[in-house]
Amino acid sequence: MPRFRLQDLPSLEASPTSPATLGAKVGDLIIHSVSAVAQVELLDRETGEYRVVLQGTLDLDNPALKR
């Protein structure tokens, strides 16, 4: 699995993208973090719309993440 790097963060906002591609990128971000939390900010049960905020800390002790 490729390591998630600091310069990969802006790619999370690339649009349009498929849910599978975004899921893979977010998954890599979480896996390569030393801590991560999620907060559901919005959930509309009628439309299915949601907003989730992720907050975490990348593992910068790993030299592969700094490149």
N, C-alpha and C. Protein backbone atom coordinates (compact mmCIF):
# COMPACT_ATOMS: atom_id res chain seq x y z
N MET A 1 0.84 -1.17 0.00
CA MET A 1 0.00 0.00 0.00
C MET A 1 0.89 1.24 0.00
N PRO A 2 0.63 2.22 -0.91
CA PRO A 2 1.45 3.43 -0.93
C PRO A 2 1.23 4.26 0.33
N ARG A 3 2.30 4.89 0.78
CA ARG A 3 2.22 5.72 1.97
C ARG A 3 1.52 7.04 1.65
N PHE A 4 0.73 7.54 2.57
CA PHE A 4 0.08 8.84 2.41
C PHE A 4 1.08 9.91 2.82
N ARG A 5 1.27 10.93 1.98
CA ARG A 5 2.25 11.99 2.24
C ARG A 5 1.54 13.32 2.43
N LEU A 6 2.22 14.26 3.05
CA LEU A 6 1.64 15.58 3.27
C LEU A 6 1.16 16.20 1.96
N GLN A 7 1.92 16.06 0.89
CA GLN A 7 1.52 16.68 -0.37
C GLN A 7 0.32 15.98 -1.00
N ASP A 8 -0.12 14.86 -0.45
CA ASP A 8 -1.32 14.18 -0.94
C ASP A 8 -2.61 14.79 -0.40
N LEU A 9 -2.52 15.58 0.66
CA LEU A 9 -3.73 16.14 1.28
C LEU A 9 -4.59 16.94 0.31
N PRO A 10 -4.03 17.84 -0.49
CA PRO A 10 -4.90 18.59 -1.41
C PRO A 10 -5.65 17.71 -2.41
N SER A 11 -5.14 16.53 -2.70
CA SER A 11 -5.82 15.65 -3.66
C SER A 11 -7.16 15.16 -3.12
N LEU A 12 -7.38 15.26 -1.81
CA LEU A 12 -8.67 14.85 -1.25
C LEU A 12 -9.80 15.74 -1.75
N GLU A 13 -9.48 16.98 -2.12
CA GLU A 13 -10.50 17.92 -2.58
C GLU A 13 -10.69 17.89 -4.09
N ALA A 14 -9.92 17.07 -4.78
CA ALA A 14 -10.06 16.98 -6.24
C ALA A 14 -11.46 16.53 -6.60
N SER A 15 -12.03 17.21 -7.56
CA SER A 15 -13.39 16.87 -7.91
C SER A 15 -13.55 17.05 -9.41
N PRO A 16 -14.32 16.29 -10.09
CA PRO A 16 -15.10 15.18 -9.55
C PRO A 16 -14.23 13.94 -9.34
N THR A 17 -14.65 13.11 -8.44
CA THR A 17 -13.98 11.84 -8.20
C THR A 17 -15.03 10.81 -7.80
N SER A 18 -14.71 9.56 -7.99
CA SER A 18 -15.66 8.51 -7.64
C SER A 18 -15.62 8.26 -6.14
N PRO A 19 -16.70 7.77 -5.57
CA PRO A 19 -16.69 7.42 -4.15
C PRO A 19 -15.61 6.39 -3.82
N ALA A 20 -15.33 5.46 -4.73
CA ALA A 20 -14.30 4.45 -4.46
C ALA A 20 -12.91 5.08 -4.38
N THR A 21 -12.62 6.02 -5.28
CA THR A 21 -11.32 6.70 -5.26
C THR A 21 -11.16 7.54 -4.01
N LEU A 22 -12.20 8.30 -3.66
CA LEU A 22 -12.15 9.12 -2.45
C LEU A 22 -12.00 8.23 -1.22
N GLY A 23 -12.73 7.13 -1.18
CA GLY A 23 -12.64 6.20 -0.05
C GLY A 23 -11.25 5.64 0.13
N ALA A 24 -10.60 5.31 -0.98
CA ALA A 24 -9.23 4.78 -0.92
C ALA A 24 -8.27 5.84 -0.38
N LYS A 25 -8.42 7.08 -0.85
CA LYS A 25 -7.54 8.16 -0.39
C LYS A 25 -7.74 8.44 1.10
N VAL A 26 -8.99 8.51 1.53
CA VAL A 26 -9.29 8.77 2.94
C VAL A 26 -8.82 7.59 3.79
N GLY A 27 -9.00 6.39 3.30
CA GLY A 27 -8.52 5.21 4.02
C GLY A 27 -7.02 5.23 4.21
N ASP A 28 -6.28 5.61 3.16
CA ASP A 28 -4.82 5.72 3.27
C ASP A 28 -4.43 6.78 4.29
N LEU A 29 -5.14 7.91 4.27
CA LEU A 29 -4.87 8.99 5.23
C LEU A 29 -5.05 8.48 6.66
N ILE A 30 -6.13 7.79 6.92
CA ILE A 30 -6.42 7.30 8.28
C ILE A 30 -5.41 6.23 8.70
N ILE A 31 -5.11 5.30 7.81
CA ILE A 31 -4.17 4.23 8.14
C ILE A 31 -2.79 4.77 8.48
N HIS A 32 -2.38 5.84 7.82
CA HIS A 32 -1.05 6.40 8.03
C HIS A 32 -1.06 7.54 9.05
N SER A 33 -2.06 7.57 9.89
CA SER A 33 -2.15 8.56 10.95
C SER A 33 -1.90 7.89 12.30
N VAL A 34 -1.39 8.68 13.25
CA VAL A 34 -1.18 8.15 14.60
C VAL A 34 -2.43 8.33 15.45
N SER A 35 -3.31 9.24 15.02
CA SER A 35 -4.60 9.41 15.69
C SER A 35 -5.60 9.92 14.66
N ALA A 36 -6.86 9.58 14.85
CA ALA A 36 -7.92 10.03 13.94
C ALA A 36 -9.26 9.95 14.66
N VAL A 37 -10.09 10.96 14.41
CA VAL A 37 -11.46 10.97 14.93
C VAL A 37 -12.38 11.47 13.82
N ALA A 38 -13.64 11.11 13.90
CA ALA A 38 -14.63 11.55 12.93
C ALA A 38 -15.82 12.13 13.69
N GLN A 39 -16.39 13.19 13.11
CA GLN A 39 -17.58 13.80 13.69
C GLN A 39 -18.62 13.98 12.60
N VAL A 40 -19.83 13.48 12.83
CA VAL A 40 -20.93 13.68 11.89
C VAL A 40 -21.53 15.05 12.18
N GLU A 41 -21.40 15.97 11.22
CA GLU A 41 -21.93 17.32 11.39
C GLU A 41 -23.35 17.46 10.85
N LEU A 42 -23.68 16.67 9.84
CA LEU A 42 -24.99 16.80 9.21
C LEU A 42 -25.46 15.42 8.76
N LEU A 43 -26.71 15.14 9.01
CA LEU A 43 -27.32 13.91 8.52
C LEU A 43 -28.77 14.21 8.20
N ASP A 44 -29.13 14.20 6.91
CA ASP A 44 -30.50 14.44 6.48
C ASP A 44 -31.11 13.10 6.10
N ARG A 45 -31.98 12.58 6.93
CA ARG A 45 -32.56 11.26 6.71
C ARG A 45 -33.50 11.22 5.50
N GLU A 46 -34.01 12.36 5.09
CA GLU A 46 -34.91 12.39 3.93
C GLU A 46 -34.15 12.34 2.61
N THR A 47 -33.03 13.05 2.52
CA THR A 47 -32.29 13.12 1.25
C THR A 47 -31.06 12.22 1.22
N GLY A 48 -30.59 11.78 2.38
CA GLY A 48 -29.38 10.98 2.44
C GLY A 48 -28.11 11.82 2.47
N GLU A 49 -28.26 13.13 2.47
CA GLU A 49 -27.09 14.02 2.52
C GLU A 49 -26.42 13.90 3.89
N TYR A 50 -25.09 13.94 3.88
CA TYR A 50 -24.33 13.88 5.13
C TYR A 50 -23.08 14.74 5.01
N ARG A 51 -22.54 15.11 6.16
CA ARG A 51 -21.26 15.80 6.24
C ARG A 51 -20.50 15.20 7.41
N VAL A 52 -19.30 14.71 7.11
CA VAL A 52 -18.44 14.12 8.12
C VAL A 52 -17.12 14.88 8.13
N VAL A 53 -16.66 15.24 9.32
CA VAL A 53 -15.38 15.93 9.46
C VAL A 53 -14.38 14.96 10.08
N LEU A 54 -13.22 14.82 9.43
CA LEU A 54 -12.14 13.99 9.96
C LEU A 54 -11.07 14.89 10.54
N GLN A 55 -10.51 14.48 11.65
CA GLN A 55 -9.40 15.20 12.26
C GLN A 55 -8.40 14.18 12.75
N GLY A 56 -7.12 14.43 12.46
CA GLY A 56 -6.12 13.48 12.89
C GLY A 56 -4.73 14.05 12.79
N THR A 57 -3.76 13.17 13.04
CA THR A 57 -2.35 13.54 12.98
C THR A 57 -1.61 12.49 12.16
N LEU A 58 -0.97 12.94 11.06
CA LEU A 58 -0.18 12.02 10.25
C LEU A 58 1.06 11.58 11.01
N ASP A 59 1.51 10.38 10.72
CA ASP A 59 2.71 9.83 11.32
C ASP A 59 3.93 10.44 10.62
N LEU A 60 4.40 11.59 11.10
CA LEU A 60 5.53 12.27 10.49
C LEU A 60 6.87 11.71 10.94
N ASP A 61 6.88 10.80 11.89
CA ASP A 61 8.13 10.14 12.29
C ASP A 61 8.60 9.17 11.22
N ASN A 62 7.67 8.78 10.35
CA ASN A 62 8.01 7.89 9.25
C ASN A 62 8.56 8.73 8.11
N PRO A 63 9.83 8.58 7.72
CA PRO A 63 10.44 9.40 6.68
C PRO A 63 9.69 9.34 5.34
N ALA A 64 9.01 8.25 5.05
CA ALA A 64 8.30 8.13 3.79
C ALA A 64 7.16 9.14 3.69
N LEU A 65 6.62 9.57 4.83
CA LEU A 65 5.52 10.53 4.82
C LEU A 65 5.99 11.95 4.54
N LYS A 66 7.23 12.27 4.80
CA LYS A 66 7.74 13.63 4.66
C LYS A 66 8.10 13.97 3.22
N ARG A 67 8.32 12.99 2.38
CA ARG A 67 8.74 13.27 1.00
C ARG A 67 7.66 13.89 0.19
